[in-house]
């Protein structure tokens, strides 16, 4: 599969969360697939949320340097910045699909990055948002695509 997949914060966090023995292997399978196929994308908003969550909210949490190494690695995915296009697009997503502001920003960033899929557990599996399809990483595996 060569379709580009935008990864939301929860997938990145679960891939590092030792307290989630059911979700962590699935998140890791997705991350391995995305690295191997070079089809993963994300946004700076996601990287910020990931860093704060894994260093301040997880128990046990990650040390800052390890979390920073993860973020540095993910920078190779060319994260989408929250700029004018993303904000304008987020308003359209918020109004058109009744999304929360934060979800609308994620969807807009994925659309700006020209992704086909959004990997998240925060939205409805299979939902079509403009040209973007929502995939729940804990209901769909990479082999399902």
N, C-alpha and C. Protein backbone atom coordinates (compact mmCIF):
# COMPACT_ATOMS: atom_id res chain seq x y z
N UNK A 1 0.84 -1.18 0.00
CA UNK A 1 0.00 0.00 0.00
C UNK A 1 0.88 1.23 0.00
N UNK A 2 0.59 2.16 -0.87
CA UNK A 2 1.39 3.38 -0.92
C UNK A 2 0.59 4.61 -0.50
N UNK A 3 -0.61 4.39 0.01
CA UNK A 3 -1.42 5.51 0.48
C UNK A 3 -0.79 6.11 1.73
N UNK A 4 -0.80 7.42 1.83
CA UNK A 4 -0.19 8.13 2.95
C UNK A 4 -1.16 8.15 4.13
N UNK A 5 -0.62 7.90 5.32
CA UNK A 5 -1.43 7.78 6.54
C UNK A 5 -0.97 8.79 7.57
N UNK A 6 -1.89 9.63 8.02
CA UNK A 6 -1.61 10.62 9.06
C UNK A 6 -1.86 9.96 10.42
N UNK A 7 -0.90 10.08 11.31
CA UNK A 7 -0.97 9.41 12.61
C UNK A 7 -1.31 10.42 13.69
N UNK A 8 -2.37 10.13 14.44
CA UNK A 8 -2.79 10.98 15.55
C UNK A 8 -1.99 10.63 16.80
N UNK A 9 -2.06 11.50 17.78
CA UNK A 9 -1.30 11.38 19.02
C UNK A 9 -1.48 10.05 19.71
N UNK A 10 -2.72 9.56 19.79
CA UNK A 10 -2.97 8.35 20.58
C UNK A 10 -2.18 7.14 20.08
N UNK A 11 -1.96 7.04 18.80
CA UNK A 11 -1.20 5.91 18.27
C UNK A 11 0.26 6.00 18.72
N UNK A 12 0.82 7.19 18.63
CA UNK A 12 2.21 7.38 19.08
C UNK A 12 2.34 7.10 20.57
N UNK A 13 1.40 7.59 21.36
CA UNK A 13 1.46 7.40 22.81
C UNK A 13 1.32 5.92 23.16
N UNK A 14 0.33 5.23 22.58
CA UNK A 14 0.13 3.81 22.90
C UNK A 14 1.35 2.97 22.51
N UNK A 15 2.07 3.40 21.48
CA UNK A 15 3.26 2.64 21.09
C UNK A 15 4.35 2.70 22.17
N UNK A 16 4.25 3.64 23.08
CA UNK A 16 5.23 3.80 24.16
C UNK A 16 4.64 3.54 25.55
N UNK A 17 3.35 3.25 25.63
CA UNK A 17 2.66 3.13 26.92
C UNK A 17 2.67 1.69 27.43
N UNK A 18 3.54 1.43 28.39
CA UNK A 18 3.67 0.09 28.95
C UNK A 18 2.44 -0.33 29.76
N UNK A 19 1.59 0.61 30.15
CA UNK A 19 0.40 0.28 30.93
C UNK A 19 -0.77 -0.15 30.06
N UNK A 20 -0.57 -0.24 28.75
CA UNK A 20 -1.62 -0.64 27.81
C UNK A 20 -1.20 -1.90 27.05
N UNK A 21 -1.19 -3.06 27.73
CA UNK A 21 -0.69 -4.27 27.08
C UNK A 21 -1.53 -4.77 25.90
N UNK A 22 -2.78 -4.32 25.80
CA UNK A 22 -3.59 -4.71 24.63
C UNK A 22 -3.38 -3.77 23.46
N UNK A 23 -3.27 -2.49 23.73
CA UNK A 23 -3.16 -1.51 22.65
C UNK A 23 -1.74 -1.31 22.17
N UNK A 24 -0.77 -1.48 23.05
CA UNK A 24 0.60 -1.21 22.66
C UNK A 24 1.07 -2.07 21.48
N UNK A 25 0.82 -3.39 21.47
CA UNK A 25 1.28 -4.19 20.32
C UNK A 25 0.63 -3.75 19.00
N UNK A 26 -0.63 -3.35 19.05
CA UNK A 26 -1.30 -2.90 17.83
C UNK A 26 -0.71 -1.59 17.34
N UNK A 27 -0.46 -0.68 18.28
CA UNK A 27 0.15 0.60 17.92
C UNK A 27 1.55 0.38 17.34
N UNK A 28 2.30 -0.53 17.95
CA UNK A 28 3.65 -0.84 17.45
C UNK A 28 3.61 -1.47 16.06
N UNK A 29 2.62 -2.31 15.81
CA UNK A 29 2.47 -2.91 14.48
C UNK A 29 2.25 -1.82 13.43
N UNK A 30 1.39 -0.86 13.76
CA UNK A 30 1.15 0.25 12.84
C UNK A 30 2.42 1.07 12.63
N UNK A 31 3.11 1.39 13.72
CA UNK A 31 4.33 2.20 13.59
C UNK A 31 5.38 1.48 12.76
N UNK A 32 5.55 0.19 12.99
CA UNK A 32 6.50 -0.58 12.17
C UNK A 32 6.11 -0.56 10.70
N UNK A 33 4.83 -0.74 10.43
CA UNK A 33 4.34 -0.70 9.06
C UNK A 33 4.62 0.66 8.42
N UNK A 34 4.33 1.72 9.14
CA UNK A 34 4.51 3.07 8.59
C UNK A 34 5.98 3.38 8.34
N UNK A 35 6.86 2.94 9.24
CA UNK A 35 8.29 3.15 9.01
C UNK A 35 8.77 2.31 7.83
N UNK A 36 8.35 1.06 7.76
CA UNK A 36 8.81 0.16 6.69
C UNK A 36 8.33 0.60 5.31
N UNK A 37 7.10 1.12 5.24
CA UNK A 37 6.54 1.53 3.96
C UNK A 37 6.77 3.01 3.66
N UNK A 38 7.28 3.72 4.64
CA UNK A 38 7.52 5.16 4.51
C UNK A 38 6.26 5.92 4.14
N UNK A 39 5.14 5.50 4.73
CA UNK A 39 3.86 6.14 4.42
C UNK A 39 3.29 6.93 5.60
N UNK A 40 4.04 7.04 6.68
CA UNK A 40 3.55 7.76 7.85
C UNK A 40 3.76 9.25 7.74
N UNK A 41 2.76 10.00 8.22
CA UNK A 41 2.85 11.45 8.32
C UNK A 41 2.21 11.86 9.64
N UNK A 42 2.55 13.04 10.10
CA UNK A 42 1.93 13.58 11.31
C UNK A 42 2.04 15.09 11.26
N UNK A 43 1.69 15.74 12.37
CA UNK A 43 1.74 17.19 12.42
C UNK A 43 2.45 17.67 13.67
N UNK A 44 2.85 18.92 13.66
CA UNK A 44 3.53 19.48 14.83
C UNK A 44 2.62 19.49 16.05
N UNK A 45 1.32 19.68 15.86
CA UNK A 45 0.38 19.60 16.98
C UNK A 45 0.47 18.22 17.64
N UNK A 46 0.50 17.18 16.85
CA UNK A 46 0.59 15.81 17.36
C UNK A 46 1.90 15.60 18.11
N UNK A 47 3.00 16.08 17.56
CA UNK A 47 4.30 15.91 18.21
C UNK A 47 4.34 16.61 19.57
N UNK A 48 3.72 17.78 19.65
CA UNK A 48 3.65 18.49 20.92
C UNK A 48 2.83 17.72 21.94
N UNK A 49 1.67 17.24 21.51
CA UNK A 49 0.80 16.47 22.40
C UNK A 49 1.50 15.18 22.86
N UNK A 50 2.18 14.52 21.95
CA UNK A 50 2.91 13.30 22.28
C UNK A 50 3.95 13.57 23.35
N UNK A 51 4.78 14.59 23.15
CA UNK A 51 5.85 14.89 24.09
C UNK A 51 5.31 15.16 25.50
N UNK A 52 4.29 15.98 25.59
CA UNK A 52 3.71 16.31 26.90
C UNK A 52 3.10 15.07 27.54
N UNK A 53 2.39 14.28 26.76
CA UNK A 53 1.72 13.09 27.31
C UNK A 53 2.72 12.07 27.84
N UNK A 54 3.73 11.75 27.03
CA UNK A 54 4.66 10.69 27.46
C UNK A 54 5.61 11.13 28.57
N UNK A 55 5.87 12.42 28.68
CA UNK A 55 6.80 12.88 29.73
C UNK A 55 6.08 13.32 31.00
N UNK A 56 4.78 13.66 30.90
CA UNK A 56 4.11 14.21 32.07
C UNK A 56 2.88 13.43 32.52
N UNK A 57 2.28 12.64 31.64
CA UNK A 57 1.03 11.98 31.99
C UNK A 57 1.12 10.46 32.11
N UNK A 58 2.03 9.83 31.39
CA UNK A 58 2.15 8.37 31.46
C UNK A 58 2.75 7.94 32.79
N UNK A 59 2.27 6.81 33.27
CA UNK A 59 2.86 6.19 34.46
C UNK A 59 3.16 4.74 34.11
N UNK A 60 4.41 4.32 33.98
CA UNK A 60 5.58 5.18 34.14
C UNK A 60 5.78 6.04 32.89
N UNK A 61 6.26 7.22 33.10
CA UNK A 61 6.50 8.14 31.99
C UNK A 61 7.86 7.90 31.35
N UNK A 62 8.04 8.52 30.23
CA UNK A 62 9.33 8.45 29.54
C UNK A 62 10.21 9.59 30.03
N UNK A 63 11.52 9.37 30.04
CA UNK A 63 12.40 10.48 30.36
C UNK A 63 12.41 11.44 29.17
N UNK A 64 12.71 12.67 29.43
CA UNK A 64 12.64 13.71 28.40
C UNK A 64 13.53 13.42 27.20
N UNK A 65 14.74 12.95 27.43
CA UNK A 65 15.65 12.74 26.31
C UNK A 65 15.16 11.63 25.38
N UNK A 66 14.61 10.56 25.93
CA UNK A 66 14.06 9.49 25.09
C UNK A 66 12.87 10.01 24.29
N UNK A 67 12.01 10.78 24.92
CA UNK A 67 10.87 11.37 24.22
C UNK A 67 11.34 12.32 23.13
N UNK A 68 12.38 13.08 23.42
CA UNK A 68 12.92 14.00 22.41
C UNK A 68 13.51 13.23 21.23
N UNK A 69 14.13 12.10 21.50
CA UNK A 69 14.65 11.26 20.41
C UNK A 69 13.50 10.76 19.52
N UNK A 70 12.39 10.37 20.15
CA UNK A 70 11.22 9.95 19.37
C UNK A 70 10.72 11.08 18.48
N UNK A 71 10.62 12.27 19.06
CA UNK A 71 10.14 13.42 18.29
C UNK A 71 11.11 13.73 17.16
N UNK A 72 12.40 13.70 17.44
CA UNK A 72 13.40 13.95 16.38
C UNK A 72 13.24 12.94 15.24
N UNK A 73 13.02 11.68 15.57
CA UNK A 73 12.82 10.66 14.53
C UNK A 73 11.59 10.98 13.70
N UNK A 74 10.52 11.37 14.36
CA UNK A 74 9.27 11.66 13.65
C UNK A 74 9.35 12.93 12.80
N UNK A 75 10.33 13.77 13.06
CA UNK A 75 10.51 14.95 12.22
C UNK A 75 10.84 14.57 10.78
N UNK A 76 11.37 13.35 10.58
CA UNK A 76 11.67 12.90 9.21
C UNK A 76 10.40 12.67 8.40
N UNK A 77 9.26 12.59 9.07
CA UNK A 77 7.99 12.43 8.37
C UNK A 77 7.49 13.75 7.79
N UNK A 78 8.20 14.84 8.01
CA UNK A 78 7.78 16.13 7.47
C UNK A 78 6.48 16.62 8.07
N UNK A 79 6.43 16.80 9.39
CA UNK A 79 5.17 17.17 10.05
C UNK A 79 4.54 18.44 9.47
N UNK A 80 3.23 18.44 9.42
CA UNK A 80 2.47 19.58 8.95
C UNK A 80 2.38 20.61 10.07
N UNK A 81 2.72 21.84 9.75
CA UNK A 81 2.63 22.93 10.72
C UNK A 81 1.20 23.47 10.76
N UNK A 82 0.82 23.99 11.91
CA UNK A 82 -0.47 24.67 12.02
C UNK A 82 -0.24 26.08 11.49
N UNK A 83 -0.65 26.27 10.25
CA UNK A 83 -0.50 27.57 9.60
C UNK A 83 -1.88 28.04 9.13
N UNK A 84 -1.90 29.07 8.33
CA UNK A 84 -3.17 29.64 7.86
C UNK A 84 -4.03 28.61 7.13
N UNK A 85 -3.42 27.81 6.24
CA UNK A 85 -4.19 26.80 5.50
C UNK A 85 -4.82 25.79 6.44
N UNK A 86 -4.06 25.35 7.44
CA UNK A 86 -4.59 24.36 8.38
C UNK A 86 -5.71 24.97 9.22
N UNK A 87 -5.53 26.19 9.68
CA UNK A 87 -6.58 26.84 10.49
C UNK A 87 -7.84 27.06 9.66
N UNK A 88 -7.70 27.58 8.46
CA UNK A 88 -8.87 27.79 7.58
C UNK A 88 -9.57 26.46 7.29
N UNK A 89 -8.78 25.44 7.00
CA UNK A 89 -9.35 24.12 6.75
C UNK A 89 -10.03 23.54 7.98
N UNK A 90 -9.46 23.80 9.15
CA UNK A 90 -10.06 23.32 10.39
C UNK A 90 -11.42 23.96 10.64
N UNK A 91 -11.55 25.23 10.31
CA UNK A 91 -12.86 25.87 10.46
C UNK A 91 -13.88 25.19 9.56
N UNK A 92 -13.46 24.86 8.34
CA UNK A 92 -14.37 24.18 7.41
C UNK A 92 -14.74 22.80 7.93
N UNK A 93 -13.78 22.07 8.48
CA UNK A 93 -14.06 20.74 9.04
C UNK A 93 -14.96 20.83 10.27
N UNK A 94 -14.69 21.82 11.12
CA UNK A 94 -15.49 22.01 12.32
C UNK A 94 -16.95 22.31 11.95
N UNK A 95 -17.15 23.20 10.99
CA UNK A 95 -18.50 23.56 10.58
C UNK A 95 -19.17 22.46 9.76
N UNK A 96 -18.42 21.84 8.87
CA UNK A 96 -19.01 20.85 7.97
C UNK A 96 -19.28 19.50 8.60
N UNK A 97 -18.49 19.13 9.60
CA UNK A 97 -18.62 17.79 10.18
C UNK A 97 -18.87 17.80 11.69
N UNK A 98 -19.07 18.98 12.25
CA UNK A 98 -19.32 19.13 13.69
C UNK A 98 -18.22 18.50 14.54
N UNK A 99 -16.99 18.68 14.12
CA UNK A 99 -15.85 18.15 14.87
C UNK A 99 -15.45 19.14 15.96
N UNK A 100 -14.81 18.62 17.01
CA UNK A 100 -14.22 19.52 18.00
C UNK A 100 -13.11 20.30 17.31
N UNK A 101 -12.73 21.41 17.90
CA UNK A 101 -11.66 22.23 17.31
C UNK A 101 -10.37 21.44 17.14
N UNK A 102 -9.95 20.69 18.16
CA UNK A 102 -8.68 19.97 18.12
C UNK A 102 -8.73 18.85 17.09
N UNK A 103 -9.85 18.15 16.98
CA UNK A 103 -9.99 17.12 15.94
C UNK A 103 -10.00 17.76 14.56
N UNK A 104 -10.65 18.90 14.43
CA UNK A 104 -10.70 19.60 13.14
C UNK A 104 -9.30 20.01 12.69
N UNK A 105 -8.46 20.45 13.63
CA UNK A 105 -7.07 20.79 13.28
C UNK A 105 -6.31 19.58 12.78
N UNK A 106 -6.52 18.43 13.43
CA UNK A 106 -5.83 17.20 13.01
C UNK A 106 -6.29 16.81 11.60
N UNK A 107 -7.59 16.82 11.38
CA UNK A 107 -8.13 16.46 10.06
C UNK A 107 -7.60 17.41 8.99
N UNK A 108 -7.63 18.69 9.28
CA UNK A 108 -7.14 19.67 8.32
C UNK A 108 -5.65 19.46 8.01
N UNK A 109 -4.85 19.21 9.04
CA UNK A 109 -3.42 18.96 8.82
C UNK A 109 -3.22 17.72 7.95
N UNK A 110 -4.02 16.69 8.18
CA UNK A 110 -3.92 15.47 7.36
C UNK A 110 -4.29 15.76 5.91
N UNK A 111 -5.30 16.57 5.70
CA UNK A 111 -5.70 16.92 4.34
C UNK A 111 -4.62 17.77 3.66
N UNK A 112 -4.04 18.72 4.38
CA UNK A 112 -2.96 19.53 3.82
C UNK A 112 -1.77 18.65 3.44
N UNK A 113 -1.53 17.61 4.24
CA UNK A 113 -0.43 16.67 3.94
C UNK A 113 -0.79 15.66 2.86
N UNK A 114 -2.00 15.79 2.30
CA UNK A 114 -2.48 14.92 1.22
C UNK A 114 -2.55 13.45 1.61
N UNK A 115 -2.97 13.22 2.84
CA UNK A 115 -3.11 11.85 3.33
C UNK A 115 -4.44 11.26 2.88
N UNK A 116 -4.45 9.97 2.69
CA UNK A 116 -5.67 9.24 2.34
C UNK A 116 -6.38 8.75 3.60
N UNK A 117 -5.58 8.42 4.63
CA UNK A 117 -6.14 7.87 5.87
C UNK A 117 -5.68 8.68 7.08
N UNK A 118 -6.53 8.69 8.09
CA UNK A 118 -6.21 9.25 9.40
C UNK A 118 -6.31 8.13 10.41
N UNK A 119 -5.20 7.81 11.04
CA UNK A 119 -5.13 6.73 12.01
C UNK A 119 -5.37 7.31 13.41
N UNK A 120 -6.57 7.07 13.95
CA UNK A 120 -6.95 7.61 15.25
C UNK A 120 -8.07 6.80 15.85
N UNK A 121 -8.15 6.80 17.17
CA UNK A 121 -9.29 6.17 17.83
C UNK A 121 -10.30 7.23 18.27
N UNK A 122 -10.02 8.50 17.98
CA UNK A 122 -10.85 9.59 18.45
C UNK A 122 -12.03 9.93 17.55
N UNK A 123 -12.06 9.40 16.36
CA UNK A 123 -13.16 9.66 15.42
C UNK A 123 -13.77 8.33 14.98
N UNK A 124 -14.88 8.41 14.29
CA UNK A 124 -15.64 7.21 13.91
C UNK A 124 -14.91 6.43 12.81
N UNK A 125 -14.68 5.15 13.07
CA UNK A 125 -14.06 4.24 12.09
C UNK A 125 -14.82 4.29 10.77
N UNK A 126 -14.09 4.46 9.68
CA UNK A 126 -14.69 4.47 8.35
C UNK A 126 -15.29 5.79 7.93
N UNK A 127 -15.31 6.76 8.83
CA UNK A 127 -15.88 8.07 8.50
C UNK A 127 -15.08 8.72 7.38
N UNK A 128 -15.79 9.29 6.42
CA UNK A 128 -15.15 10.03 5.33
C UNK A 128 -15.22 11.51 5.63
N UNK A 129 -14.08 12.14 5.67
CA UNK A 129 -13.98 13.58 5.93
C UNK A 129 -13.29 14.20 4.72
N UNK A 130 -14.11 14.69 3.79
CA UNK A 130 -13.60 15.19 2.53
C UNK A 130 -12.96 14.00 1.80
N UNK A 131 -11.65 14.02 1.57
CA UNK A 131 -10.99 12.89 0.89
C UNK A 131 -10.25 11.98 1.86
N UNK A 132 -10.48 12.16 3.15
CA UNK A 132 -9.78 11.44 4.20
C UNK A 132 -10.69 10.39 4.82
N UNK A 133 -10.15 9.18 5.04
CA UNK A 133 -10.91 8.10 5.66
C UNK A 133 -10.30 7.82 7.03
N UNK A 134 -11.15 7.73 8.06
CA UNK A 134 -10.69 7.46 9.42
C UNK A 134 -10.51 5.96 9.62
N UNK A 135 -9.35 5.59 10.15
CA UNK A 135 -9.07 4.21 10.51
C UNK A 135 -8.80 4.16 12.01
N UNK A 136 -9.47 3.24 12.70
CA UNK A 136 -9.17 3.01 14.10
C UNK A 136 -8.06 1.98 14.16
N UNK A 137 -6.90 2.34 14.73
CA UNK A 137 -5.77 1.41 14.72
C UNK A 137 -5.97 0.17 15.57
N UNK A 138 -7.04 0.16 16.37
CA UNK A 138 -7.30 -0.98 17.24
C UNK A 138 -8.44 -1.83 16.72
N UNK A 139 -8.98 -1.45 15.58
CA UNK A 139 -10.01 -2.25 14.89
C UNK A 139 -9.55 -2.67 13.50
N UNK A 140 -8.57 -1.95 12.98
CA UNK A 140 -8.02 -2.22 11.64
C UNK A 140 -6.53 -2.43 11.79
N UNK A 141 -6.02 -3.43 11.13
CA UNK A 141 -4.56 -3.65 11.16
C UNK A 141 -3.97 -3.27 9.81
N UNK A 142 -2.67 -3.07 9.76
CA UNK A 142 -2.05 -2.74 8.48
C UNK A 142 -2.36 -3.76 7.39
N UNK A 143 -2.47 -5.02 7.75
CA UNK A 143 -2.74 -6.05 6.73
C UNK A 143 -4.15 -5.95 6.17
N UNK A 144 -5.05 -5.26 6.86
CA UNK A 144 -6.42 -5.08 6.37
C UNK A 144 -6.48 -4.13 5.17
N UNK A 145 -5.45 -3.34 5.01
CA UNK A 145 -5.45 -2.40 3.89
C UNK A 145 -4.94 -3.10 2.65
